Amino acid sequence: MVSTGAILSYRLFDVGYAIDLAKAEEVWARTVRTGSSRGRLAMTPPKAVAFGVPPVALGLGPLTLDLPDGPMQAIVNARLYDFGVISLAIRVPAINLTWAAFSQRLNAVDAILGAEAGSSLWPALLDRVRQGIGEALIRPLASALDEDYIIGIVNAFDRPVATDSLPPDMDLVPLLSGEVRPLSEGSRRDLLRHRYSYYTDDLVVLTWDRAFICEPRGDSDVVDVLEVANAQLLEMRYYDELLDAELPRMYDMVEAARRRRPLPTARRFADLARRLYTVVAEVTELTEKVDNALQVTEDVYLARIYAAALDLSRVPAVSAAVDRKLAIIRDTYTALYDEASSNRSEMLEIIILVLIALEIVLAVVR
């Protein structure tokens, strides 16, 4: 039986180019009149793992969820990341539940709050945060990309449990898969292969959209690391889509510039090159912020979990795609700049030849 634990349902939104965290704290305190704090990893020394820029944590208070086993009060919190992501978390308590009931509660929360549920609760909570920090949003986005994640947390069982070999009645598969039908042995192995323990009584099992954490000391560092990984995925997805839209537009603008007369073409190429340089500079600056959102140096255990979470959510693959598209834009910028310079040189040569010819004509006429 699960004596104490919780279900954490996350929804992360990309809301703008960046968030001025200092201003967000000031505006939130002035308009909402509740406190805020800067995030830090609770149990890990800063020297080992630290946020690049600590996010701002905001309390949004309680709300009631209608679960199949009755109304349940949950706690809502938000975190603001300087690279433009707002993370919302709804924490549903899990106290004195059988393992089956704990698994069912997680799946029930996911059915209400998950991506496929289409819940209006998340947009309403996001609007509350937006309104509370409005002035701190830099170049806000009209429609936000989002990511969801759900975590089952156990802080205490009703009996000692060795996490390296859970009892047969504590099957993680229904909890991590959301499936009610039995999975094949191969599917079970794939689902459970990202499994990590540091002590004999703790356990972390990761999948791409769910996780199970057994943490008897109440350490929240693994939860924070998983949140950062999802925030990084979200931001990389945004820039991947941004560059996907930018590349065809870039090709069209280059083609349009080439159809113009020589002198305007040179100027047009130079203007276009400057625009592309701005895009590259902005995306590079923000992706570096995202890459440095969490700095892991000495904590090998957290580093392994963090790396696994990034791999499962395909952050390296999306990041590589962003880098490839940036490289295309950089190469195009260089080619445009060179072509603009070449056109200018050719035009100057023509002007010089015309002036020489004019001088010869004037000399003959005289």
Protein backbone atom coordinates (compact mmCIF):
# COMPACT_ATOMS: atom_id res chain seq x y z
CA MET A 1 0.00 0.00 0.00
CA VAL A 2 1.13 3.56 -0.75
CA SER A 3 1.10 5.43 2.57
CA THR A 4 2.06 8.84 1.20
CA GLY A 5 2.64 10.01 -2.33
CA ALA A 6 1.29 12.23 -5.06
CA ILE A 7 0.42 12.46 -8.73
CA LEU A 8 2.05 15.38 -10.54
CA SER A 9 0.49 16.44 -13.82
CA TYR A 10 2.52 18.92 -15.85
CA ARG A 11 1.65 21.16 -18.76
CA LEU A 12 4.39 23.39 -20.17
CA PHE A 13 3.75 26.29 -22.54
CA ASP A 14 6.07 28.33 -24.72
CA VAL A 15 4.61 31.80 -24.28
CA GLY A 16 7.17 34.22 -25.71
CA TYR A 17 10.68 35.05 -26.80
CA ALA A 18 11.76 35.40 -23.16
CA ILE A 19 10.53 36.24 -19.67
CA ASP A 20 12.12 38.95 -17.56
CA LEU A 21 12.16 36.97 -14.32
CA ALA A 22 13.01 39.89 -12.03
CA LYS A 23 10.15 41.92 -13.46
CA ALA A 24 7.86 38.88 -13.27
CA GLU A 25 8.48 38.59 -9.54
CA GLU A 26 7.87 42.30 -9.04
CA VAL A 27 4.70 42.41 -11.16
CA TRP A 28 3.31 39.22 -9.62
CA ALA A 29 3.81 40.55 -6.09
CA ARG A 30 2.14 43.83 -7.06
CA THR A 31 -0.85 42.46 -8.96
CA VAL A 32 -1.54 39.04 -7.44
CA ARG A 33 -0.15 39.81 -3.99
CA THR A 34 1.22 36.35 -3.33
CA GLY A 35 4.81 35.31 -2.92
CA SER A 36 7.27 33.90 -5.41
CA SER A 37 10.62 32.19 -5.07
CA ARG A 38 13.61 31.23 -7.18
CA GLY A 39 13.95 27.55 -7.96
CA ARG A 40 16.90 25.50 -6.80
CA LEU A 41 17.61 21.81 -6.45
CA ALA A 42 16.78 20.98 -2.85
CA MET A 43 19.14 18.14 -2.00
CA THR A 44 21.96 18.52 -4.50
CA PRO A 45 24.91 20.86 -3.81
CA PRO A 46 24.96 23.82 -6.25
CA LYS A 47 28.48 22.82 -7.22
CA ALA A 48 27.16 19.49 -8.53
CA VAL A 49 23.95 20.54 -10.30
CA ALA A 50 22.44 23.98 -10.68
CA PHE A 51 19.99 25.91 -12.79
CA GLY A 52 21.66 28.14 -15.37
CA VAL A 53 19.15 30.88 -14.51
CA PRO A 54 16.97 29.80 -11.58
CA PRO A 55 13.29 29.77 -12.59
CA VAL A 56 10.67 31.70 -10.64
CA ALA A 57 8.15 29.57 -8.72
CA LEU A 58 4.63 30.89 -8.20
CA GLY A 59 1.85 29.45 -6.06
CA LEU A 60 -1.60 29.38 -7.67
CA GLY A 61 -3.44 27.84 -4.75
CA PRO A 62 -5.78 24.84 -4.48
CA LEU A 63 -8.40 23.53 -6.87
CA THR A 64 -10.81 20.61 -6.81
CA LEU A 65 -10.66 17.80 -9.37
CA ASP A 66 -13.59 15.46 -9.92
CA LEU A 67 -11.96 12.04 -9.95
CA PRO A 68 -13.78 8.71 -10.30
CA ASP A 69 -13.30 8.02 -6.58
CA GLY A 70 -14.68 11.44 -5.61
CA PRO A 71 -13.68 15.12 -5.50
CA MET A 72 -10.03 15.66 -4.64
CA GLN A 73 -8.28 18.88 -3.68
CA ALA A 74 -5.07 19.51 -5.59
CA ILE A 75 -2.38 22.18 -5.37
CA VAL A 76 -1.32 24.22 -8.41
CA ASN A 77 2.10 25.76 -8.91
CA ALA A 78 3.80 27.49 -11.81
CA ARG A 79 7.40 28.00 -12.83
CA LEU A 80 8.72 30.65 -15.18
CA TYR A 81 11.84 30.02 -17.24
CA ASP A 82 13.79 32.92 -18.68
CA PHE A 83 13.73 31.43 -22.20
CA GLY A 84 9.97 31.94 -22.43
CA VAL A 85 8.45 28.78 -20.94
CA ILE A 86 5.76 28.60 -18.26
CA SER A 87 5.43 25.24 -16.51
CA LEU A 88 2.17 24.48 -14.69
CA ALA A 89 1.97 21.59 -12.22
CA ILE A 90 -1.11 20.15 -10.51
CA ARG A 91 -0.26 18.01 -7.50
CA VAL A 92 -2.90 15.47 -6.46
CA PRO A 93 -2.29 13.73 -3.11
CA ALA A 94 -2.17 9.94 -2.87
CA ILE A 95 -2.54 8.75 0.71
CA ASN A 96 -3.25 5.24 1.98
CA LEU A 97 -3.97 3.76 -1.42
CA THR A 98 -3.44 0.21 -2.57
CA TRP A 99 -0.99 -0.09 -5.44
CA ALA A 100 -3.84 -0.75 -7.88
CA ALA A 101 -5.71 2.31 -6.59
CA PHE A 102 -2.55 4.44 -6.89
CA SER A 103 -2.09 3.35 -10.49
CA GLN A 104 -5.77 3.97 -11.22
CA ARG A 105 -5.57 7.45 -9.71
CA LEU A 106 -2.64 8.37 -11.93
CA ASN A 107 -4.50 7.15 -15.00
CA ALA A 108 -7.64 8.99 -13.88
CA VAL A 109 -5.70 12.24 -13.47
CA ASP A 110 -4.18 11.73 -16.91
CA ALA A 111 -7.62 11.10 -18.39
CA ILE A 112 -8.82 14.44 -17.00
CA LEU A 113 -5.69 16.57 -17.50
CA GLY A 114 -3.65 14.79 -20.18
CA ALA A 115 -3.05 15.99 -23.72
CA GLU A 116 -5.93 14.00 -25.16
CA ALA A 117 -8.44 15.22 -22.58
CA GLY A 118 -8.69 18.72 -24.07
CA SER A 119 -9.21 20.17 -20.60
CA SER A 120 -10.02 23.88 -20.40
CA LEU A 121 -8.33 24.01 -17.01
CA TRP A 122 -4.80 24.43 -18.39
CA PRO A 123 -5.61 27.44 -20.62
CA ALA A 124 -7.43 29.07 -17.70
CA LEU A 125 -4.44 28.58 -15.40
CA LEU A 126 -2.09 29.84 -18.10
CA ASP A 127 -4.20 32.98 -18.51
CA ARG A 128 -3.95 33.60 -14.77
CA VAL A 129 -0.19 33.47 -14.92
CA ARG A 130 -0.01 35.57 -18.10
CA GLN A 131 -2.16 38.26 -16.53
CA GLY A 132 -0.13 38.17 -13.34
CA ILE A 133 3.21 38.69 -15.12
CA GLY A 134 2.04 40.39 -18.32
CA GLU A 135 4.62 43.16 -18.35
CA ALA A 136 7.44 40.65 -17.93
CA LEU A 137 6.67 38.74 -21.14
CA ILE A 138 9.03 39.70 -23.94
CA ARG A 139 7.50 39.39 -27.42
CA PRO A 140 4.62 37.17 -26.27
CA LEU A 141 3.26 34.51 -28.60
CA ALA A 142 -0.42 34.54 -29.54
CA SER A 143 -0.73 30.75 -29.49
CA ALA A 144 1.57 28.64 -27.36
CA LEU A 145 3.10 25.24 -28.04
CA ASP A 146 2.75 22.87 -25.12
CA GLU A 147 4.13 19.66 -23.65
CA ASP A 148 2.56 17.41 -21.03
CA TYR A 149 4.09 14.98 -18.55
CA ILE A 150 2.77 13.02 -15.58
CA ILE A 151 4.67 11.59 -12.62
CA GLY A 152 3.63 9.14 -9.93
CA ILE A 153 5.53 9.77 -6.69
CA VAL A 154 5.69 7.49 -3.66
CA ASN A 155 7.27 8.83 -0.50
CA ALA A 156 6.39 5.92 1.77
CA PHE A 157 4.95 2.43 1.55
CA ASP A 158 3.18 0.73 4.43
CA ARG A 159 6.05 -1.75 4.66
CA PRO A 160 9.74 -1.86 3.75
CA VAL A 161 10.17 -2.32 0.01
CA ALA A 162 13.42 -3.09 -1.80
CA THR A 163 13.12 -1.12 -5.00
CA ASP A 164 15.56 -3.26 -6.97
CA SER A 165 12.92 -6.01 -7.04
CA LEU A 166 9.42 -4.73 -6.41
CA PRO A 167 6.86 -7.25 -5.14
CA PRO A 168 4.67 -8.86 -7.83
CA ASP A 169 1.64 -6.88 -6.65
CA MET A 170 3.45 -3.60 -7.48
CA ASP A 171 3.44 -3.78 -11.26
CA LEU A 172 4.74 -0.55 -12.79
CA VAL A 173 3.55 -1.35 -16.31
CA PRO A 174 -0.12 -0.26 -15.98
CA LEU A 175 1.03 2.94 -14.28
CA LEU A 176 3.65 3.82 -16.89
CA SER A 177 1.76 2.67 -19.98
CA GLY A 178 -1.81 3.58 -19.12
CA GLU A 179 -2.84 0.26 -20.64
CA VAL A 180 -5.40 -2.04 -19.03
CA ARG A 181 -4.58 -5.03 -21.24
CA PRO A 182 -1.43 -7.06 -20.50
CA LEU A 183 1.64 -6.09 -22.50
CA SER A 184 4.01 -8.52 -24.18
CA GLU A 185 7.32 -9.31 -22.50
CA GLY A 186 9.19 -7.28 -25.11
CA SER A 187 6.95 -4.26 -24.55
CA ARG A 188 7.37 -4.59 -20.79
CA ARG A 189 11.16 -4.67 -21.11
CA ASP A 190 11.17 -1.62 -23.36
CA LEU A 191 8.87 0.27 -21.00
CA LEU A 192 10.96 -0.47 -17.90
CA ARG A 193 14.49 -0.24 -19.30
CA HIS A 194 15.13 3.34 -18.12
CA ARG A 195 15.32 2.41 -14.45
CA TYR A 196 17.60 4.12 -11.93
CA SER A 197 18.35 3.76 -8.22
CA TYR A 198 20.93 5.36 -5.96
CA TYR A 199 19.98 3.85 -2.61
CA THR A 200 18.27 0.54 -1.95
CA ASP A 201 14.98 2.27 -1.17
CA ASP A 202 14.68 4.76 -4.04
CA LEU A 203 13.72 4.26 -7.67
CA VAL A 204 13.16 6.29 -10.83
CA VAL A 205 11.61 4.76 -13.94
CA LEU A 206 11.24 6.97 -17.01
CA THR A 207 9.17 6.79 -20.17
CA TRP A 208 8.72 9.47 -22.79
CA ASP A 209 5.56 10.94 -21.22
CA ARG A 210 5.38 9.36 -17.74
CA ALA A 211 7.62 8.60 -14.81
CA PHE A 212 7.50 6.78 -11.50
CA ILE A 213 9.57 8.04 -8.58
CA CYS A 214 9.99 6.37 -5.21
CA GLU A 215 11.73 8.87 -2.96
CA PRO A 216 11.42 8.26 0.80
CA ARG A 217 13.44 11.36 1.69
CA GLY A 218 11.06 13.74 -0.08
CA ASP A 219 13.80 14.87 -2.48
CA SER A 220 12.30 16.81 -5.40
CA ASP A 221 15.47 17.11 -7.48
CA VAL A 222 14.53 14.34 -9.94
CA VAL A 223 11.14 15.98 -10.49
CA ASP A 224 12.86 19.31 -11.19
CA VAL A 225 15.28 17.69 -13.63
CA LEU A 226 12.40 16.07 -15.55
CA GLU A 227 10.61 19.41 -15.73
CA VAL A 228 13.69 21.12 -17.17
CA ALA A 229 14.09 18.37 -19.78
CA ASN A 230 10.50 18.90 -20.91
CA ALA A 231 10.98 22.67 -20.98
CA GLN A 232 14.04 22.20 -23.19
CA LEU A 233 12.11 19.90 -25.53
CA LEU A 234 9.31 22.44 -25.81
CA GLU A 235 11.65 25.31 -26.63
CA MET A 236 13.60 23.27 -29.18
CA ARG A 237 10.33 22.27 -30.83
CA TYR A 238 9.41 25.94 -31.10
CA TYR A 239 12.66 26.87 -32.81
CA ASP A 240 12.48 23.83 -35.06
CA GLU A 241 9.03 24.94 -36.25
CA LEU A 242 10.16 28.56 -36.51
CA LEU A 243 13.05 27.61 -38.78
CA ASP A 244 10.82 25.25 -40.78
CA ALA A 245 8.68 28.28 -41.60
CA GLU A 246 11.68 30.55 -42.14
CA LEU A 247 13.49 28.42 -44.73
CA PRO A 248 10.80 28.50 -47.48
CA ARG A 249 10.29 32.21 -46.84
CA MET A 250 14.03 32.74 -47.18
CA TYR A 251 14.13 30.90 -50.51
CA ASP A 252 11.22 32.99 -51.81
CA MET A 253 12.88 36.24 -50.77
CA VAL A 254 16.17 35.25 -52.39
CA GLU A 255 14.38 34.40 -55.63
CA ALA A 256 12.45 37.68 -55.53
CA ALA A 257 15.68 39.61 -54.97
CA ARG A 258 17.36 37.93 -57.94
CA ARG A 259 14.58 39.04 -60.28
CA ARG A 260 15.35 42.71 -59.66
CA ARG A 261 17.79 45.00 -61.46
CA PRO A 262 21.48 44.89 -60.42
CA LEU A 263 21.75 47.83 -58.05
CA PRO A 264 18.50 47.23 -56.17
CA THR A 265 19.42 43.54 -56.11
CA ALA A 266 22.67 44.28 -54.28
CA ARG A 267 20.83 46.41 -51.76
CA ARG A 268 18.09 43.81 -51.47
CA PHE A 269 20.64 41.04 -50.89
CA ALA A 270 22.34 43.11 -48.20
CA ASP A 271 19.00 43.79 -46.46
CA LEU A 272 18.06 40.12 -46.67
CA ALA A 273 21.48 39.07 -45.36
CA ARG A 274 21.05 41.39 -42.36
CA ARG A 275 17.61 39.92 -41.68
CA LEU A 276 18.94 36.36 -41.79
CA TYR A 277 21.83 37.32 -39.54
CA THR A 278 19.31 38.64 -37.00
CA VAL A 279 17.36 35.37 -37.12
CA VAL A 280 20.53 33.33 -36.61
CA ALA A 281 21.70 35.54 -33.74
CA GLU A 282 18.35 35.39 -31.93
CA VAL A 283 17.89 31.65 -32.30
CA THR A 284 21.50 30.94 -31.32
CA GLU A 285 21.22 33.11 -28.22
CA LEU A 286 18.02 31.43 -27.06
CA THR A 287 19.12 27.89 -27.85
CA GLU A 288 22.27 28.47 -25.81
CA LYS A 289 20.07 29.58 -22.91
CA VAL A 290 18.01 26.42 -23.31
CA ASP A 291 21.10 24.21 -23.50
CA ASN A 292 22.43 25.79 -20.29
CA ALA A 293 19.12 25.66 -18.41
CA LEU A 294 20.55 22.97 -16.14
CA GLN A 295 24.24 22.51 -15.48
CA VAL A 296 25.16 19.03 -14.27
CA THR A 297 28.78 18.54 -13.27
CA GLU A 298 29.38 16.22 -10.33
CA ASP A 299 26.12 14.40 -9.51
CA VAL A 300 26.44 11.30 -11.68
CA TYR A 301 23.05 9.89 -10.63
CA LEU A 302 21.10 13.01 -11.59
CA ALA A 303 23.21 13.38 -14.72
CA ARG A 304 22.18 9.90 -15.87
CA ILE A 305 18.51 10.62 -15.23
CA TYR A 306 18.75 13.98 -16.97
CA ALA A 307 20.50 12.49 -20.01
CA ALA A 308 17.93 9.69 -20.21
CA ALA A 309 15.05 12.16 -20.00
CA LEU A 310 16.56 14.24 -22.80
CA ASP A 311 17.09 11.16 -24.98
CA LEU A 312 13.58 9.83 -24.36
CA SER A 313 12.03 13.15 -25.33
CA ARG A 314 14.34 13.37 -28.38
CA VAL A 315 15.81 16.71 -27.34
CA PRO A 316 19.22 15.93 -28.93
CA ALA A 317 17.54 15.00 -32.23
CA VAL A 318 15.41 18.15 -32.31
CA SER A 319 18.41 20.25 -31.27
CA ALA A 320 20.46 18.73 -34.10
CA ALA A 321 17.68 19.57 -36.56
CA VAL A 322 17.70 23.17 -35.32
CA ASP A 323 21.48 23.32 -35.75
CA ARG A 324 21.23 21.98 -39.32
CA LYS A 325 18.63 24.58 -40.26
CA LEU A 326 20.69 27.33 -38.65
CA ALA A 327 23.67 26.16 -40.69
CA ILE A 328 21.61 26.46 -43.90
CA ILE A 329 20.59 29.99 -42.97
CA ARG A 330 24.19 30.90 -42.07
CA ASP A 331 25.42 29.58 -45.41
CA THR A 332 22.69 31.50 -47.22
CA TYR A 333 23.60 34.65 -45.30
CA THR A 334 27.25 34.25 -46.33
CA ALA A 335 26.31 33.64 -49.97
CA LEU A 336 23.97 36.64 -50.02
CA TYR A 337 26.57 38.88 -48.43
CA ASP A 338 29.19 37.75 -50.94
CA GLU A 339 26.79 38.21 -53.84
CA ALA A 340 25.78 41.66 -52.64
CA SER A 341 29.45 42.63 -52.37
CA SER A 342 30.14 41.21 -55.82
CA ASN A 343 27.21 43.11 -57.33
CA ARG A 344 28.40 46.32 -55.74
CA SER A 345 31.91 45.77 -57.08
CA GLU A 346 30.59 45.10 -60.57
CA MET A 347 28.43 48.20 -60.43
CA LEU A 348 31.36 50.31 -59.26
CA GLU A 349 33.46 48.98 -62.14
CA ILE A 350 30.69 49.88 -64.59
CA ILE A 351 30.41 53.37 -63.11
CA ILE A 352 34.18 53.85 -63.35
CA LEU A 353 34.19 52.72 -67.00
CA VAL A 354 31.29 55.04 -67.78
CA LEU A 355 33.11 57.96 -66.15
CA ILE A 356 36.28 57.18 -68.10
CA ALA A 357 34.30 56.97 -71.34
CA LEU A 358 32.54 60.22 -70.51
CA GLU A 359 35.85 61.93 -69.84
CA ILE A 360 37.21 60.69 -73.19
CA VAL A 361 34.12 61.93 -75.02
CA LEU A 362 34.35 65.32 -73.34
CA ALA A 363 38.04 65.56 -74.23
CA VAL A 364 37.31 64.78 -77.91
CA VAL A 365 34.44 67.27 -78.04
CA ARG A 366 36.63 70.02 -76.68
